[in-house]
């Protein structure tokens, strides 16, 4: 978030310079779009990843432009009047009156719906313009995009592709030593120690339980999973499936922790913890003591 705020503040500086520090020359036309977290080196062909309810700022810093239109796909909204301090709760700043289009120079887009989305820019100029090819270390990282003539104006269209990831949500299944499913956590379920619907099992010391999940079946594209297993051996384990032995008398519950890594400058890492809905009562073993 700190890095993203830095780019947002840089965007504000660019806009201020555009308005106050440069004298526009009427015989110059030039297209340039500033994308927060990428600057003016953005490639419209890149796919930017965001978490649901996160936002992106863009500004048209073109010279000699006659008109512009920003268009969003369904499931997104323009937000206005917020500061970086408000970035944890942006729904109150949605401008529903704008709908999905605006001609404002700078826009802030809130991604309200997971999935593949697009922010489209259309700029109209009095003469031909080109978003230039961009090279880095000798490699082309952005192809040139040229305007096309429509009647007496030159039009350039740019599409910024966005992948919005849902919030993390886990699935889990617990299998006893006989192969029977004794508990299940499904998407959308949330439990705590006082929640009704938690299963209960009594096992003797030395009995094993198997905890299973699927990263592909979980929500939000997690990269890894951690099991927290108090009273068990092991007490923590990474990986989708783990078999746990309970050698300590007592009552225990387990947690499943999903993790999603940072991706580029836009998708922040996140961790999500859920209680597995199973109360495990471990009682003394009734098996005869074997002495070797």
C-alpha atoms as a PDB file:
ATOM      1  CA  UNK A   1       0.000   0.000   0.000  1.00  0.00           C
ATOM      2  CA  UNK A   2       2.836   2.438   0.819  1.00  0.00           C
ATOM      3  CA  UNK A   3       4.307   1.935  -2.661  1.00  0.00           C
ATOM      4  CA  UNK A   4       0.928   2.438  -4.302  1.00  0.00           C
ATOM      5  CA  UNK A   5       0.347   5.641  -2.308  1.00  0.00           C
ATOM      6  CA  UNK A   6       3.729   6.875  -3.546  1.00  0.00           C
ATOM      7  CA  UNK A   7       2.570   6.436  -7.143  1.00  0.00           C
ATOM      8  CA  UNK A   8      -0.758   8.109  -6.373  1.00  0.00           C
ATOM      9  CA  UNK A   9       1.065  11.135  -4.954  1.00  0.00           C
ATOM     10  CA  UNK A  10       3.323  11.160  -8.033  1.00  0.00           C
ATOM     11  CA  UNK A  11       0.192  11.154 -10.172  1.00  0.00           C
ATOM     12  CA  UNK A  12      -1.057  14.238  -8.349  1.00  0.00           C
ATOM     13  CA  UNK A  13       2.273  15.963  -8.997  1.00  0.00           C
ATOM     14  CA  UNK A  14       2.069  15.143 -12.704  1.00  0.00           C
ATOM     15  CA  UNK A  15      -1.443  16.549 -12.897  1.00  0.00           C
ATOM     16  CA  UNK A  16      -0.413  19.724 -11.061  1.00  0.00           C
ATOM     17  CA  UNK A  17       2.499  20.237 -13.456  1.00  0.00           C
ATOM     18  CA  UNK A  18       0.194  19.631 -16.398  1.00  0.00           C
ATOM     19  CA  UNK A  19      -2.167  22.327 -15.224  1.00  0.00           C
ATOM     20  CA  UNK A  20       0.189  24.960 -13.898  1.00  0.00           C
ATOM     21  CA  UNK A  21       3.766  24.579 -15.062  1.00  0.00           C
ATOM     22  CA  UNK A  22       3.622  23.935 -18.804  1.00  0.00           C
ATOM     23  CA  UNK A  23       2.370  26.252 -21.499  1.00  0.00           C
ATOM     24  CA  UNK A  24       0.521  24.273 -24.111  1.00  0.00           C
ATOM     25  CA  UNK A  25       1.461  25.027 -27.679  1.00  0.00           C
ATOM     26  CA  UNK A  26      -1.536  25.044 -29.967  1.00  0.00           C
ATOM     27  CA  UNK A  27       0.380  23.430 -32.813  1.00  0.00           C
ATOM     28  CA  UNK A  28       1.527  20.422 -30.754  1.00  0.00           C
ATOM     29  CA  UNK A  29      -0.495  17.259 -30.192  1.00  0.00           C
ATOM     30  CA  UNK A  30       0.835  14.309 -28.246  1.00  0.00           C
ATOM     31  CA  UNK A  31      -0.831  11.318 -26.558  1.00  0.00           C
ATOM     32  CA  UNK A  32       0.304  10.121 -23.138  1.00  0.00           C
ATOM     33  CA  UNK A  33      -1.524   8.302 -20.366  1.00  0.00           C
ATOM     34  CA  UNK A  34      -0.161   8.030 -16.831  1.00  0.00           C
ATOM     35  CA  UNK A  35      -1.038   4.806 -15.015  1.00  0.00           C
ATOM     36  CA  UNK A  36      -0.376   4.696 -11.271  1.00  0.00           C
ATOM     37  CA  UNK A  37       2.229   2.032 -10.402  1.00  0.00           C
ATOM     38  CA  UNK A  38       3.528   2.124 -13.985  1.00  0.00           C
ATOM     39  CA  UNK A  39       3.906   5.792 -14.888  1.00  0.00           C
ATOM     40  CA  UNK A  40       3.876   6.631 -18.605  1.00  0.00           C
ATOM     41  CA  UNK A  41       5.782   3.428 -19.416  1.00  0.00           C
ATOM     42  CA  UNK A  42       2.584   1.391 -19.258  1.00  0.00           C
ATOM     43  CA  UNK A  43       1.755  -1.103 -21.971  1.00  0.00           C
ATOM     44  CA  UNK A  44      -1.978  -1.402 -22.683  1.00  0.00           C
ATOM     45  CA  UNK A  45      -1.359  -5.048 -23.607  1.00  0.00           C
ATOM     46  CA  UNK A  46      -0.218  -5.876 -20.068  1.00  0.00           C
ATOM     47  CA  UNK A  47      -2.734  -7.455 -17.708  1.00  0.00           C
ATOM     48  CA  UNK A  48      -2.705  -5.705 -14.324  1.00  0.00           C
ATOM     49  CA  UNK A  49      -3.807  -7.788 -11.339  1.00  0.00           C
ATOM     50  CA  UNK A  50      -5.794  -6.321  -8.432  1.00  0.00           C
ATOM     51  CA  UNK A  51      -7.718  -7.574  -5.435  1.00  0.00           C
ATOM     52  CA  UNK A  52     -11.460  -7.006  -5.425  1.00  0.00           C
ATOM     53  CA  UNK A  53     -12.337  -3.605  -3.859  1.00  0.00           C
ATOM     54  CA  UNK A  54      -8.912  -2.209  -4.735  1.00  0.00           C
ATOM     55  CA  UNK A  55      -8.522   0.707  -7.161  1.00  0.00           C
ATOM     56  CA  UNK A  56      -6.382   2.110  -9.979  1.00  0.00           C
ATOM     57  CA  UNK A  57      -5.727   5.746 -10.930  1.00  0.00           C
ATOM     58  CA  UNK A  58      -5.091   6.896 -14.502  1.00  0.00           C
ATOM     59  CA  UNK A  59      -4.565  10.372 -15.946  1.00  0.00           C
ATOM     60  CA  UNK A  60      -4.622  11.670 -19.513  1.00  0.00           C
ATOM     61  CA  UNK A  61      -1.563  13.941 -19.766  1.00  0.00           C
ATOM     62  CA  UNK A  62      -1.799  14.309 -23.550  1.00  0.00           C
ATOM     63  CA  UNK A  63      -1.065  17.645 -25.232  1.00  0.00           C
ATOM     64  CA  UNK A  64      -3.406  19.357 -27.687  1.00  0.00           C
ATOM     65  CA  UNK A  65      -6.280  16.945 -27.142  1.00  0.00           C
ATOM     66  CA  UNK A  66      -9.804  17.932 -28.216  1.00  0.00           C
ATOM     67  CA  UNK A  67     -11.842  15.329 -26.325  1.00  0.00           C
ATOM     68  CA  UNK A  68     -11.451  12.156 -24.309  1.00  0.00           C
ATOM     69  CA  UNK A  69     -13.694   9.374 -23.023  1.00  0.00           C
ATOM     70  CA  UNK A  70     -12.938   6.742 -20.400  1.00  0.00           C
ATOM     71  CA  UNK A  71     -15.196   3.664 -20.429  1.00  0.00           C
ATOM     72  CA  UNK A  72     -15.392   0.883 -17.840  1.00  0.00           C
ATOM     73  CA  UNK A  73     -16.761  -2.616 -18.145  1.00  0.00           C
ATOM     74  CA  UNK A  74     -19.633  -3.647 -15.874  1.00  0.00           C
ATOM     75  CA  UNK A  75     -18.699  -4.425 -12.292  1.00  0.00           C
ATOM     76  CA  UNK A  76     -16.481  -1.377 -11.772  1.00  0.00           C
ATOM     77  CA  UNK A  77     -17.105   2.206 -10.681  1.00  0.00           C
ATOM     78  CA  UNK A  78     -15.512   5.647 -10.669  1.00  0.00           C
ATOM     79  CA  UNK A  79     -14.621   7.010  -7.239  1.00  0.00           C
ATOM     80  CA  UNK A  80     -14.030  10.653  -6.293  1.00  0.00           C
ATOM     81  CA  UNK A  81     -13.177  12.808  -3.300  1.00  0.00           C
ATOM     82  CA  UNK A  82     -11.054  10.333  -1.374  1.00  0.00           C
ATOM     83  CA  UNK A  83      -7.535  10.467   0.028  1.00  0.00           C
ATOM     84  CA  UNK A  84      -4.956   7.675   0.471  1.00  0.00           C
ATOM     85  CA  UNK A  85      -6.072   7.438   4.108  1.00  0.00           C
ATOM     86  CA  UNK A  86      -9.519   6.328   2.906  1.00  0.00           C
ATOM     87  CA  UNK A  87      -8.191   3.475   0.777  1.00  0.00           C
ATOM     88  CA  UNK A  88      -9.485   0.742   3.098  1.00  0.00           C
ATOM     89  CA  UNK A  89     -13.125   1.779   2.620  1.00  0.00           C
ATOM     90  CA  UNK A  90     -13.770   3.195  -0.825  1.00  0.00           C
ATOM     91  CA  UNK A  91     -17.405   2.249  -1.394  1.00  0.00           C
ATOM     92  CA  UNK A  92     -18.540   5.527   0.187  1.00  0.00           C
ATOM     93  CA  UNK A  93     -16.710   7.449  -2.558  1.00  0.00           C
ATOM     94  CA  UNK A  94     -18.330   5.779  -5.578  1.00  0.00           C
ATOM     95  CA  UNK A  95     -19.844   8.313  -7.993  1.00  0.00           C
ATOM     96  CA  UNK A  96     -22.869   6.423  -9.338  1.00  0.00           C
ATOM     97  CA  UNK A  97     -23.933   9.463 -11.385  1.00  0.00           C
ATOM     98  CA  UNK A  98     -20.982   8.911 -13.733  1.00  0.00           C
ATOM     99  CA  UNK A  99     -22.085   5.412 -14.651  1.00  0.00           C
ATOM    100  CA  UNK A 100     -19.440   3.695 -16.762  1.00  0.00           C
ATOM    101  CA  UNK A 101     -18.149   6.673 -18.794  1.00  0.00           C
ATOM    102  CA  UNK A 102     -16.516  10.011 -18.059  1.00  0.00           C
ATOM    103  CA  UNK A 103     -14.501  12.669 -19.859  1.00  0.00           C
ATOM    104  CA  UNK A 104     -12.507  13.758 -16.811  1.00  0.00           C
ATOM    105  CA  UNK A 105      -8.746  14.061 -17.147  1.00  0.00           C
ATOM    106  CA  UNK A 106      -7.953  11.905 -14.110  1.00  0.00           C
ATOM    107  CA  UNK A 107      -9.957   8.887 -13.028  1.00  0.00           C
ATOM    108  CA  UNK A 108      -9.883   6.529 -10.060  1.00  0.00           C
ATOM    109  CA  UNK A 109     -11.488   3.149 -10.746  1.00  0.00           C
ATOM    110  CA  UNK A 110     -12.801   0.858  -8.010  1.00  0.00           C
ATOM    111  CA  UNK A 111     -12.890  -2.841  -8.949  1.00  0.00           C
ATOM    112  CA  UNK A 112     -16.066  -4.149  -7.357  1.00  0.00           C
ATOM    113  CA  UNK A 113     -16.388  -7.512  -9.119  1.00  0.00           C
ATOM    114  CA  UNK A 114     -13.852 -10.332  -9.587  1.00  0.00           C
ATOM    115  CA  UNK A 115     -13.022 -11.362 -13.143  1.00  0.00           C
ATOM    116  CA  UNK A 116     -11.479  -9.964 -16.314  1.00  0.00           C
ATOM    117  CA  UNK A 117     -12.179  -6.267 -16.908  1.00  0.00           C
ATOM    118  CA  UNK A 118     -11.092  -3.446 -19.172  1.00  0.00           C
ATOM    119  CA  UNK A 119     -10.605   0.305 -18.910  1.00  0.00           C
ATOM    120  CA  UNK A 120     -10.912   1.883 -22.361  1.00  0.00           C
ATOM    121  CA  UNK A 121      -9.497   5.266 -23.345  1.00  0.00           C
ATOM    122  CA  UNK A 122     -10.543   7.192 -26.467  1.00  0.00           C
ATOM    123  CA  UNK A 123      -8.695  10.385 -27.307  1.00  0.00           C
ATOM    124  CA  UNK A 124      -9.601  12.759 -30.137  1.00  0.00           C
ATOM    125  CA  UNK A 125      -6.923  15.018 -31.611  1.00  0.00           C
ATOM    126  CA  UNK A 126      -6.824  17.661 -34.366  1.00  0.00           C
ATOM    127  CA  UNK A 127      -3.887  15.906 -36.034  1.00  0.00           C
ATOM    128  CA  UNK A 128      -2.283  12.480 -36.193  1.00  0.00           C
ATOM    129  CA  UNK A 129      -0.689  11.197 -32.963  1.00  0.00           C
ATOM    130  CA  UNK A 130       1.158   8.035 -31.946  1.00  0.00           C
ATOM    131  CA  UNK A 131       1.796   6.415 -28.597  1.00  0.00           C
ATOM    132  CA  UNK A 132       5.461   5.617 -29.221  1.00  0.00           C
ATOM    133  CA  UNK A 133       7.169   2.273 -29.053  1.00  0.00           C
ATOM    134  CA  UNK A 134       8.860   1.700 -25.718  1.00  0.00           C
ATOM    135  CA  UNK A 135      12.150  -0.176 -25.368  1.00  0.00           C
ATOM    136  CA  UNK A 136      14.004  -1.288 -22.282  1.00  0.00           C
ATOM    137  CA  UNK A 137      17.475  -2.858 -22.405  1.00  0.00           C
ATOM    138  CA  UNK A 138      17.098  -3.155 -26.149  1.00  0.00           C
ATOM    139  CA  UNK A 139      13.803  -5.074 -25.903  1.00  0.00           C
ATOM    140  CA  UNK A 140      10.458  -3.777 -27.121  1.00  0.00           C
ATOM    141  CA  UNK A 141       8.111  -3.706 -24.122  1.00  0.00           C
ATOM    142  CA  UNK A 142       5.371  -1.715 -25.817  1.00  0.00           C
ATOM    143  CA  UNK A 143       4.451  -1.596 -29.496  1.00  0.00           C
ATOM    144  CA  UNK A 144       3.609   1.762 -31.033  1.00  0.00           C
ATOM    145  CA  UNK A 145      -0.115   2.599 -31.259  1.00  0.00           C
ATOM    146  CA  UNK A 146      -1.192   5.052 -33.978  1.00  0.00           C
ATOM    147  CA  UNK A 147      -4.340   7.147 -34.262  1.00  0.00           C
ATOM    148  CA  UNK A 148      -6.817   6.622 -37.083  1.00  0.00           C
ATOM    149  CA  UNK A 149      -8.670   9.359 -38.937  1.00  0.00           C
ATOM    150  CA  UNK A 150     -12.411   9.730 -38.413  1.00  0.00           C
ATOM    151  CA  UNK A 151     -13.847  12.619 -40.438  1.00  0.00           C
ATOM    152  CA  UNK A 152     -11.861  15.713 -39.423  1.00  0.00           C
ATOM    153  CA  UNK A 153     -10.304  14.253 -36.248  1.00  0.00           C
ATOM    154  CA  UNK A 154      -7.663  11.712 -35.338  1.00  0.00           C
ATOM    155  CA  UNK A 155      -8.707   9.084 -32.795  1.00  0.00           C
ATOM    156  CA  UNK A 156      -6.567   6.801 -30.662  1.00  0.00           C
ATOM    157  CA  UNK A 157      -8.020   3.951 -28.621  1.00  0.00           C
ATOM    158  CA  UNK A 158      -6.202   2.262 -25.744  1.00  0.00           C
ATOM    159  CA  UNK A 159      -7.490  -0.645 -23.663  1.00  0.00           C
ATOM    160  CA  UNK A 160      -6.056  -1.414 -20.228  1.00  0.00           C
ATOM    161  CA  UNK A 161      -6.712  -5.011 -19.241  1.00  0.00           C
ATOM    162  CA  UNK A 162      -7.411  -5.806 -15.593  1.00  0.00           C
ATOM    163  CA  UNK A 163      -7.644  -9.130 -13.766  1.00  0.00           C
ATOM    164  CA  UNK A 164      -9.521  -8.742 -10.475  1.00  0.00           C
ATOM    165  CA  UNK A 165      -9.016 -11.539  -7.947  1.00  0.00           C
ATOM    166  CA  UNK A 166     -11.679 -12.412  -5.403  1.00  0.00           C
ATOM    167  CA  UNK A 167     -11.050 -12.356  -1.668  1.00  0.00           C
ATOM    168  CA  UNK A 168      -9.458 -15.500  -0.252  1.00  0.00           C
ATOM    169  CA  UNK A 169     -11.787 -18.240   0.964  1.00  0.00           C
ATOM    170  CA  UNK A 170     -10.846 -21.821   1.853  1.00  0.00           C
ATOM    171  CA  UNK A 171     -12.295 -25.279   1.501  1.00  0.00           C
ATOM    172  CA  UNK A 172     -11.280 -28.152   3.767  1.00  0.00           C
ATOM    173  CA  UNK A 173     -12.188 -31.737   4.576  1.00  0.00           C
ATOM    174  CA  UNK A 174     -11.187 -33.869   7.571  1.00  0.00           C
ATOM    175  CA  UNK A 175     -10.992 -37.672   7.226  1.00  0.00           C
ATOM    176  CA  UNK A 176     -10.700 -40.045  10.189  1.00  0.00           C
ATOM    177  CA  UNK A 177      -8.521 -43.169  10.419  1.00  0.00           C
ATOM    178  CA  UNK A 178     -11.332 -45.294   8.921  1.00  0.00           C
ATOM    179  CA  UNK A 179     -11.590 -43.110   5.819  1.00  0.00           C
ATOM    180  CA  UNK A 180     -14.820 -41.406   6.899  1.00  0.00           C
ATOM    181  CA  UNK A 181     -15.393 -37.684   6.349  1.00  0.00           C
ATOM    182  CA  UNK A 182     -15.953 -36.133   9.775  1.00  0.00           C
ATOM    183  CA  UNK A 183     -15.943 -32.400   8.934  1.00  0.00           C
ATOM    184  CA  UNK A 184     -16.141 -30.116   5.918  1.00  0.00           C
ATOM    185  CA  UNK A 185     -15.508 -26.410   5.312  1.00  0.00           C
ATOM    186  CA  UNK A 186     -17.124 -25.012   2.170  1.00  0.00           C
ATOM    187  CA  UNK A 187     -16.765 -21.694   0.357  1.00  0.00           C
ATOM    188  CA  UNK A 188     -18.722 -18.922   2.049  1.00  0.00           C
ATOM    189  CA  UNK A 189     -18.757 -20.596   5.460  1.00  0.00           C
ATOM    190  CA  UNK A 190     -17.255 -18.843   8.460  1.00  0.00           C
ATOM    191  CA  UNK A 191     -16.894 -20.441  11.883  1.00  0.00           C
ATOM    192  CA  UNK A 192     -15.627 -19.464  15.307  1.00  0.00           C
ATOM    193  CA  UNK A 193     -15.435 -21.437  18.531  1.00  0.00           C
ATOM    194  CA  UNK A 194     -19.043 -20.499  19.408  1.00  0.00           C
ATOM    195  CA  UNK A 195     -20.589 -21.112  15.983  1.00  0.00           C
ATOM    196  CA  UNK A 196     -23.347 -23.673  15.623  1.00  0.00           C
ATOM    197  CA  UNK A 197     -22.675 -26.378  13.085  1.00  0.00           C
ATOM    198  CA  UNK A 198     -19.183 -27.294  14.249  1.00  0.00           C
ATOM    199  CA  UNK A 199     -18.725 -31.064  14.175  1.00  0.00           C
ATOM    200  CA  UNK A 200     -17.271 -32.946  17.133  1.00  0.00           C
ATOM    201  CA  UNK A 201     -15.228 -36.105  17.229  1.00  0.00           C
ATOM    202  CA  UNK A 202     -13.738 -38.199  20.013  1.00  0.00           C
ATOM    203  CA  UNK A 203     -10.544 -40.066  19.285  1.00  0.00           C
ATOM    204  CA  UNK A 204      -8.058 -41.951  21.380  1.00  0.00           C
ATOM    205  CA  UNK A 205      -4.425 -41.009  21.797  1.00  0.00           C
ATOM    206  CA  UNK A 206      -2.344 -42.087  18.816  1.00  0.00           C
ATOM    207  CA  UNK A 207      -5.170 -41.840  16.285  1.00  0.00           C
ATOM    208  CA  UNK A 208      -4.575 -40.033  12.993  1.00  0.00           C
ATOM    209  CA  UNK A 209      -6.746 -37.499  11.166  1.00  0.00           C
ATOM    210  CA  UNK A 210      -6.138 -36.339   7.607  1.00  0.00           C
ATOM    211  CA  UNK A 211      -6.749 -32.689   6.659  1.00  0.00           C
ATOM    212  CA  UNK A 212      -7.314 -31.974   2.970  1.00  0.00           C
ATOM    213  CA  UNK A 213      -7.795 -28.877   0.834  1.00  0.00           C
ATOM    214  CA  UNK A 214      -7.392 -27.751  -2.778  1.00  0.00           C
ATOM    215  CA  UNK A 215      -5.727 -24.498  -3.789  1.00  0.00           C
ATOM    216  CA  UNK A 216      -7.478 -24.690  -7.165  1.00  0.00           C
ATOM    217  CA  UNK A 217     -10.830 -25.221  -5.474  1.00  0.00           C
ATOM    218  CA  UNK A 218     -10.314 -22.384  -3.004  1.00  0.00           C
ATOM    219  CA  UNK A 219     -11.384 -18.841  -3.811  1.00  0.00           C
ATOM    220  CA  UNK A 220      -9.059 -15.973  -4.715  1.00  0.00           C
ATOM    221  CA  UNK A 221      -6.166 -17.887  -6.361  1.00  0.00           C
ATOM    222  CA  UNK A 222      -4.078 -18.607  -3.247  1.00  0.00           C
ATOM    223  CA  UNK A 223      -0.448 -19.598  -3.797  1.00  0.00           C
ATOM    224  CA  UNK A 224       0.098 -21.644  -0.640  1.00  0.00           C
ATOM    225  CA  UNK A 225      -1.601 -23.120   2.407  1.00  0.00           C
ATOM    226  CA  UNK A 226      -0.519 -23.609   6.023  1.00  0.00           C
ATOM    227  CA  UNK A 227      -2.258 -25.876   8.514  1.00  0.00           C
ATOM    228  CA  UNK A 228      -2.137 -24.867  12.200  1.00  0.00           C
ATOM    229  CA  UNK A 229      -2.750 -28.046  14.222  1.00  0.00           C
ATOM    230  CA  UNK A 230      -2.500 -27.541  18.014  1.00  0.00           C
ATOM    231  CA  UNK A 231      -2.149 -30.830  19.885  1.00  0.00           C
ATOM    232  CA  UNK A 232      -1.120 -32.722  16.785  1.00  0.00           C
ATOM    233  CA  UNK A 233       2.098 -34.032  15.317  1.00  0.00           C
ATOM    234  CA  UNK A 234       3.009 -32.058  13.311  1.00  0.00           C
ATOM    235  CA  UNK A 235       1.608 -28.867  14.864  1.00  0.00           C
ATOM    236  CA  UNK A 236       2.085 -26.994  11.577  1.00  0.00           C
ATOM    237  CA  UNK A 237       2.283 -28.220   8.012  1.00  0.00           C
ATOM    238  CA  UNK A 238       2.423 -26.723   4.530  1.00  0.00           C
ATOM    239  CA  UNK A 239       0.813 -28.413   1.580  1.00  0.00           C
ATOM    240  CA  UNK A 240      -2.712 -29.262   0.578  1.00  0.00           C
ATOM    241  CA  UNK A 241      -2.956 -32.559   2.490  1.00  0.00           C
ATOM    242  CA  UNK A 242      -1.510 -33.523   5.870  1.00  0.00           C
ATOM    243  CA  UNK A 243      -1.979 -36.509   8.176  1.00  0.00           C
ATOM    244  CA  UNK A 244      -1.815 -35.616  11.870  1.00  0.00           C
ATOM    245  CA  UNK A 245      -1.323 -37.856  14.899  1.00  0.00           C
ATOM    246  CA  UNK A 246      -2.888 -36.758  18.197  1.00  0.00           C
ATOM    247  CA  UNK A 247      -0.845 -38.056  21.147  1.00  0.00           C
ATOM    248  CA  UNK A 248      -1.954 -35.494  23.744  1.00  0.00           C
ATOM    249  CA  UNK A 249      -5.188 -35.719  25.749  1.00  0.00           C
ATOM    250  CA  UNK A 250      -7.291 -32.588  25.414  1.00  0.00           C
ATOM    251  CA  UNK A 251      -9.654 -30.650  23.147  1.00  0.00           C
ATOM    252  CA  UNK A 252      -8.285 -29.068  20.005  1.00  0.00           C
ATOM    253  CA  UNK A 253      -9.283 -27.230  16.831  1.00  0.00           C
ATOM    254  CA  UNK A 254      -7.330 -26.551  13.635  1.00  0.00           C
ATOM    255  CA  UNK A 255      -6.899 -23.535  11.360  1.00  0.00           C
ATOM    256  CA  UNK A 256      -6.298 -23.342   7.637  1.00  0.00           C
ATOM    257  CA  UNK A 257      -4.265 -20.337   6.453  1.00  0.00           C
ATOM    258  CA  UNK A 258      -4.256 -19.284   2.790  1.00  0.00           C
ATOM    259  CA  UNK A 259      -1.608 -16.983   1.358  1.00  0.00           C
ATOM    260  CA  UNK A 260      -1.499 -15.023  -1.905  1.00  0.00           C
ATOM    261  CA  UNK A 261       1.787 -13.418  -2.937  1.00  0.00           C
ATOM    262  CA  UNK A 262       2.404  -9.932  -4.310  1.00  0.00           C
ATOM    263  CA  UNK A 263       2.165  -9.649  -8.076  1.00  0.00           C
ATOM    264  CA  UNK A 264       3.896  -6.696  -9.707  1.00  0.00           C
ATOM    265  CA  UNK A 265       3.140  -3.263  -8.278  1.00  0.00           C
ATOM    266  CA  UNK A 266      -0.628  -3.677  -8.114  1.00  0.00           C
ATOM    267  CA  UNK A 267      -1.596  -6.933  -6.395  1.00  0.00           C
ATOM    268  CA  UNK A 268      -0.708  -6.865  -2.718  1.00  0.00           C
ATOM    269  CA  UNK A 269       0.021 -10.026  -0.784  1.00  0.00           C
ATOM    270  CA  UNK A 270      -2.702 -11.178   1.592  1.00  0.00           C
ATOM    271  CA  UNK A 271      -3.201 -13.891   4.225  1.00  0.00           C
ATOM    272  CA  UNK A 272      -6.541 -15.367   5.261  1.00  0.00           C
ATOM    273  CA  UNK A 273      -7.166 -17.657   8.255  1.00  0.00           C
ATOM    274  CA  UNK A 274     -10.244 -19.826   8.859  1.00  0.00           C
ATOM    275  CA  UNK A 275     -11.244 -22.256  11.585  1.00  0.00           C
ATOM    276  CA  UNK A 276     -11.774 -25.842  10.472  1.00  0.00           C
ATOM    277  CA  UNK A 277     -15.265 -26.711  11.840  1.00  0.00           C
ATOM    278  CA  UNK A 278     -14.219 -29.700  13.945  1.00  0.00           C
ATOM    279  CA  UNK A 279     -13.828 -30.005  17.712  1.00  0.00           C
ATOM    280  CA  UNK A 280     -11.317 -32.781  18.367  1.00  0.00           C
ATOM    281  CA  UNK A 281     -11.595 -34.460  21.791  1.00  0.00           C
ATOM    282  CA  UNK A 282      -8.563 -36.668  22.461  1.00  0.00           C
ATOM    283  CA  UNK A 283      -9.065 -39.179  25.245  1.00  0.00           C
ATOM    284  CA  UNK A 284      -6.664 -41.695  26.832  1.00  0.00           C
ATOM    285  CA  UNK A 285      -6.004 -44.776  24.756  1.00  0.00           C
ATOM    286  CA  UNK A 286      -7.819 -48.006  25.660  1.00  0.00           C
ATOM    287  CA  UNK A 287      -5.339 -50.116  23.737  1.00  0.00           C
ATOM    288  CA  UNK A 288      -3.178 -52.473  25.807  1.00  0.00           C
ATOM    289  CA  UNK A 289       0.288 -51.143  26.585  1.00  0.00           C
ATOM    290  CA  UNK A 290       2.883 -52.944  24.518  1.00  0.00           C
ATOM    291  CA  UNK A 291       6.362 -53.383  25.954  1.00  0.00           C
ATOM    292  CA  UNK A 292       9.107 -54.367  23.572  1.00  0.00           C
END
